[in-house]
Amino acid sequence: GRRRPQPVAGSEFVVEVDTVVVAIGNGPNPLVPSTTPDLKTNRWGNIVADPETGATSMPGVYAGGDIVTGAATVIQAMGAGKKAAAAMHQYLSGK
């Protein structure tokens, strides 16, 4: 089910940072199916891509991470990016 964080008294702390990336509750861009009709999406609006290469239904277009799997971990998105980068290199190299 959905997580429901509960406050814990006295557990607050401050972390000094240069940048914060907020990525909570994001979903697929609803414009993708209507602006790119050749790009196959599933019923949730996620882009359909080969899990090993990130290749989509459009030649030369690759996708990975949350836009393909739905909400997941950064590590999974990084792994998908690494696989897609290798596939893009092969595609661009004509292999």
N, C-alpha and C. Protein backbone atom coordinates (compact mmCIF):
# COMPACT_ATOMS: atom_id res chain seq x y z
N GLY A 1 0.80 -1.18 0.00
CA GLY A 1 0.00 0.00 0.00
C GLY A 1 0.85 1.26 0.00
N ARG A 2 0.19 2.37 0.03
CA ARG A 2 0.88 3.65 0.01
C ARG A 2 1.45 3.95 1.39
N ARG A 3 2.67 4.46 1.39
CA ARG A 3 3.30 4.83 2.66
C ARG A 3 2.61 6.06 3.24
N ARG A 4 2.50 6.07 4.56
CA ARG A 4 1.90 7.20 5.26
C ARG A 4 2.84 7.61 6.39
N PRO A 5 3.81 8.47 6.09
CA PRO A 5 4.78 8.87 7.12
C PRO A 5 4.08 9.51 8.32
N GLN A 6 4.60 9.19 9.49
CA GLN A 6 4.08 9.75 10.74
C GLN A 6 5.21 10.53 11.42
N PRO A 7 4.92 11.74 11.92
CA PRO A 7 5.96 12.50 12.61
C PRO A 7 6.40 11.80 13.91
N VAL A 8 7.69 11.91 14.19
CA VAL A 8 8.25 11.36 15.43
C VAL A 8 8.85 12.53 16.19
N ALA A 9 8.28 12.85 17.33
CA ALA A 9 8.74 14.00 18.12
C ALA A 9 10.22 13.88 18.45
N GLY A 10 10.96 14.99 18.23
CA GLY A 10 12.38 15.03 18.56
C GLY A 10 13.30 14.41 17.51
N SER A 11 12.75 13.98 16.39
CA SER A 11 13.60 13.33 15.39
C SER A 11 14.06 14.28 14.28
N GLU A 12 13.68 15.54 14.37
CA GLU A 12 14.05 16.50 13.33
C GLU A 12 15.54 16.78 13.34
N PHE A 13 16.11 17.05 12.15
CA PHE A 13 17.50 17.46 12.04
C PHE A 13 17.66 18.28 10.77
N VAL A 14 18.77 19.00 10.66
CA VAL A 14 19.04 19.86 9.52
C VAL A 14 20.25 19.32 8.77
N VAL A 15 20.16 19.28 7.46
CA VAL A 15 21.26 18.86 6.60
C VAL A 15 21.55 20.02 5.66
N GLU A 16 22.80 20.51 5.67
CA GLU A 16 23.17 21.59 4.76
C GLU A 16 23.50 20.99 3.40
N VAL A 17 22.83 21.50 2.35
CA VAL A 17 23.05 21.00 1.00
C VAL A 17 23.12 22.16 0.01
N ASP A 18 23.68 21.90 -1.16
CA ASP A 18 23.72 22.89 -2.22
C ASP A 18 22.48 22.79 -3.11
N THR A 19 21.99 21.58 -3.32
CA THR A 19 20.87 21.36 -4.22
C THR A 19 19.94 20.30 -3.65
N VAL A 20 18.65 20.49 -3.86
CA VAL A 20 17.66 19.50 -3.48
C VAL A 20 16.82 19.20 -4.72
N VAL A 21 16.69 17.93 -5.06
CA VAL A 21 15.85 17.53 -6.18
C VAL A 21 14.61 16.87 -5.59
N VAL A 22 13.47 17.48 -5.82
CA VAL A 22 12.22 16.94 -5.31
C VAL A 22 11.59 16.09 -6.40
N ALA A 23 11.39 14.82 -6.11
CA ALA A 23 10.80 13.90 -7.09
C ALA A 23 9.83 12.97 -6.39
N ILE A 24 8.74 13.55 -5.92
CA ILE A 24 7.74 12.77 -5.19
C ILE A 24 6.41 12.91 -5.91
N GLY A 25 5.77 11.81 -6.17
CA GLY A 25 4.44 11.85 -6.76
C GLY A 25 4.40 12.21 -8.23
N ASN A 26 5.53 12.07 -8.91
CA ASN A 26 5.53 12.38 -10.34
C ASN A 26 4.92 11.24 -11.12
N GLY A 27 4.26 11.59 -12.21
CA GLY A 27 3.69 10.59 -13.10
C GLY A 27 4.09 10.88 -14.52
N PRO A 28 3.69 10.02 -15.44
CA PRO A 28 4.03 10.25 -16.84
C PRO A 28 3.43 11.55 -17.36
N ASN A 29 4.11 12.16 -18.30
CA ASN A 29 3.62 13.39 -18.91
C ASN A 29 2.42 13.04 -19.79
N PRO A 30 1.24 13.59 -19.52
CA PRO A 30 0.06 13.24 -20.31
C PRO A 30 0.14 13.72 -21.76
N LEU A 31 1.09 14.59 -22.07
CA LEU A 31 1.23 15.07 -23.44
C LEU A 31 1.97 14.08 -24.34
N VAL A 32 2.71 13.15 -23.76
CA VAL A 32 3.51 12.23 -24.58
C VAL A 32 2.66 11.47 -25.60
N PRO A 33 1.58 10.79 -25.19
CA PRO A 33 0.81 10.04 -26.19
C PRO A 33 0.19 10.93 -27.28
N SER A 34 -0.24 12.12 -26.92
CA SER A 34 -0.90 12.98 -27.92
C SER A 34 0.08 13.71 -28.83
N THR A 35 1.30 13.95 -28.36
CA THR A 35 2.26 14.69 -29.19
C THR A 35 3.22 13.77 -29.94
N THR A 36 3.29 12.51 -29.52
CA THR A 36 4.20 11.56 -30.16
C THR A 36 3.44 10.25 -30.39
N PRO A 37 2.51 10.25 -31.35
CA PRO A 37 1.64 9.07 -31.52
C PRO A 37 2.37 7.79 -31.90
N ASP A 38 3.57 7.88 -32.48
CA ASP A 38 4.32 6.68 -32.85
C ASP A 38 5.05 6.05 -31.66
N LEU A 39 5.05 6.74 -30.53
CA LEU A 39 5.72 6.24 -29.34
C LEU A 39 4.70 5.46 -28.52
N LYS A 40 4.90 4.15 -28.43
CA LYS A 40 3.94 3.28 -27.74
C LYS A 40 3.98 3.51 -26.23
N THR A 41 2.80 3.67 -25.64
CA THR A 41 2.67 3.81 -24.18
C THR A 41 1.71 2.73 -23.68
N ASN A 42 1.80 2.46 -22.38
CA ASN A 42 0.87 1.48 -21.80
C ASN A 42 -0.36 2.20 -21.26
N ARG A 43 -1.24 1.47 -20.62
CA ARG A 43 -2.50 2.06 -20.15
C ARG A 43 -2.31 3.10 -19.05
N TRP A 44 -1.14 3.11 -18.42
CA TRP A 44 -0.86 4.10 -17.37
C TRP A 44 -0.14 5.33 -17.92
N GLY A 45 0.17 5.31 -19.22
CA GLY A 45 0.86 6.44 -19.84
C GLY A 45 2.37 6.32 -19.82
N ASN A 46 2.88 5.19 -19.32
CA ASN A 46 4.32 4.98 -19.32
C ASN A 46 4.78 4.56 -20.72
N ILE A 47 5.98 4.97 -21.09
CA ILE A 47 6.54 4.59 -22.38
C ILE A 47 6.93 3.12 -22.35
N VAL A 48 6.56 2.39 -23.39
CA VAL A 48 6.93 0.98 -23.51
C VAL A 48 8.33 0.91 -24.11
N ALA A 49 9.25 0.27 -23.39
CA ALA A 49 10.64 0.17 -23.85
C ALA A 49 11.19 -1.21 -23.52
N ASP A 50 12.12 -1.66 -24.35
CA ASP A 50 12.79 -2.93 -24.11
C ASP A 50 13.57 -2.84 -22.79
N PRO A 51 13.35 -3.76 -21.85
CA PRO A 51 14.03 -3.66 -20.55
C PRO A 51 15.54 -3.82 -20.62
N GLU A 52 16.06 -4.43 -21.68
CA GLU A 52 17.50 -4.62 -21.80
C GLU A 52 18.21 -3.48 -22.52
N THR A 53 17.48 -2.77 -23.39
CA THR A 53 18.14 -1.72 -24.20
C THR A 53 17.52 -0.34 -24.05
N GLY A 54 16.29 -0.28 -23.55
CA GLY A 54 15.59 1.00 -23.48
C GLY A 54 15.01 1.44 -24.81
N ALA A 55 15.16 0.60 -25.86
CA ALA A 55 14.63 0.95 -27.17
C ALA A 55 13.10 1.02 -27.12
N THR A 56 12.55 2.05 -27.74
CA THR A 56 11.10 2.23 -27.78
C THR A 56 10.58 1.82 -29.15
N SER A 57 9.31 2.08 -29.39
CA SER A 57 8.68 1.75 -30.67
C SER A 57 9.14 2.67 -31.80
N MET A 58 9.87 3.72 -31.47
CA MET A 58 10.40 4.65 -32.48
C MET A 58 11.89 4.41 -32.64
N PRO A 59 12.35 4.14 -33.85
CA PRO A 59 13.79 3.93 -34.07
C PRO A 59 14.63 5.11 -33.58
N GLY A 60 15.67 4.79 -32.81
CA GLY A 60 16.57 5.83 -32.31
C GLY A 60 16.08 6.56 -31.09
N VAL A 61 14.94 6.15 -30.54
CA VAL A 61 14.39 6.79 -29.33
C VAL A 61 14.47 5.77 -28.19
N TYR A 62 15.07 6.19 -27.10
CA TYR A 62 15.29 5.31 -25.95
C TYR A 62 14.66 5.94 -24.71
N ALA A 63 14.24 5.10 -23.77
CA ALA A 63 13.64 5.59 -22.54
C ALA A 63 14.01 4.66 -21.39
N GLY A 64 14.03 5.20 -20.19
CA GLY A 64 14.32 4.40 -19.01
C GLY A 64 13.90 5.14 -17.77
N GLY A 65 13.94 4.45 -16.66
CA GLY A 65 13.57 5.08 -15.39
C GLY A 65 12.07 5.12 -15.20
N ASP A 66 11.62 6.08 -14.41
CA ASP A 66 10.22 6.15 -14.01
C ASP A 66 9.24 6.28 -15.17
N ILE A 67 9.65 6.89 -16.28
CA ILE A 67 8.74 7.04 -17.42
C ILE A 67 8.43 5.68 -18.05
N VAL A 68 9.26 4.68 -17.76
CA VAL A 68 9.04 3.33 -18.28
C VAL A 68 8.44 2.44 -17.20
N THR A 69 9.02 2.45 -16.01
CA THR A 69 8.63 1.50 -14.96
C THR A 69 7.57 2.02 -14.00
N GLY A 70 7.34 3.31 -14.00
CA GLY A 70 6.56 3.91 -12.93
C GLY A 70 7.52 4.20 -11.79
N ALA A 71 7.01 4.69 -10.70
CA ALA A 71 7.87 5.09 -9.58
C ALA A 71 8.73 3.92 -9.12
N ALA A 72 10.04 4.15 -9.07
CA ALA A 72 10.99 3.13 -8.63
C ALA A 72 12.17 3.85 -7.99
N THR A 73 13.27 3.15 -7.82
CA THR A 73 14.42 3.74 -7.15
C THR A 73 15.35 4.44 -8.14
N VAL A 74 16.17 5.33 -7.61
CA VAL A 74 17.16 6.02 -8.43
C VAL A 74 18.15 5.00 -9.01
N ILE A 75 18.50 4.00 -8.23
CA ILE A 75 19.44 2.98 -8.68
C ILE A 75 18.89 2.24 -9.90
N GLN A 76 17.60 1.92 -9.88
CA GLN A 76 16.99 1.26 -11.04
C GLN A 76 17.02 2.17 -12.26
N ALA A 77 16.74 3.46 -12.06
CA ALA A 77 16.77 4.41 -13.17
C ALA A 77 18.19 4.54 -13.72
N MET A 78 19.18 4.55 -12.83
CA MET A 78 20.58 4.63 -13.28
C MET A 78 20.96 3.39 -14.10
N GLY A 79 20.51 2.24 -13.65
CA GLY A 79 20.79 1.01 -14.39
C GLY A 79 20.16 1.03 -15.77
N ALA A 80 18.92 1.51 -15.85
CA ALA A 80 18.24 1.62 -17.14
C ALA A 80 18.97 2.59 -18.04
N GLY A 81 19.46 3.68 -17.47
CA GLY A 81 20.21 4.67 -18.25
C GLY A 81 21.50 4.09 -18.80
N LYS A 82 22.17 3.28 -17.99
CA LYS A 82 23.43 2.66 -18.43
C LYS A 82 23.19 1.70 -19.59
N LYS A 83 22.13 0.88 -19.48
CA LYS A 83 21.79 -0.04 -20.56
C LYS A 83 21.41 0.73 -21.82
N ALA A 84 20.60 1.77 -21.66
CA ALA A 84 20.17 2.57 -22.81
C ALA A 84 21.36 3.25 -23.47
N ALA A 85 22.30 3.74 -22.68
CA ALA A 85 23.48 4.41 -23.24
C ALA A 85 24.28 3.45 -24.11
N ALA A 86 24.44 2.21 -23.65
CA ALA A 86 25.16 1.20 -24.44
C ALA A 86 24.42 0.92 -25.75
N ALA A 87 23.10 0.81 -25.67
CA ALA A 87 22.30 0.55 -26.87
C ALA A 87 22.34 1.73 -27.83
N MET A 88 22.32 2.95 -27.29
CA MET A 88 22.41 4.15 -28.13
C MET A 88 23.75 4.20 -28.84
N HIS A 89 24.81 3.84 -28.13
CA HIS A 89 26.14 3.83 -28.73
C HIS A 89 26.17 2.86 -29.92
N GLN A 90 25.62 1.68 -29.72
CA GLN A 90 25.57 0.70 -30.82
C GLN A 90 24.74 1.24 -31.98
N TYR A 91 23.61 1.84 -31.68
CA TYR A 91 22.72 2.38 -32.72
C TYR A 91 23.44 3.47 -33.52
N LEU A 92 24.08 4.38 -32.81
CA LEU A 92 24.76 5.50 -33.47
C LEU A 92 26.03 5.06 -34.20
N SER A 93 26.61 3.95 -33.75
CA SER A 93 27.81 3.42 -34.40
C SER A 93 27.48 2.55 -35.60
N GLY A 94 26.19 2.30 -35.81
CA GLY A 94 25.77 1.47 -36.93
C GLY A 94 26.00 -0.01 -36.72
N LYS A 95 26.09 -0.44 -35.46
CA LYS A 95 26.33 -1.86 -35.16
C LYS A 95 25.03 -2.62 -34.99
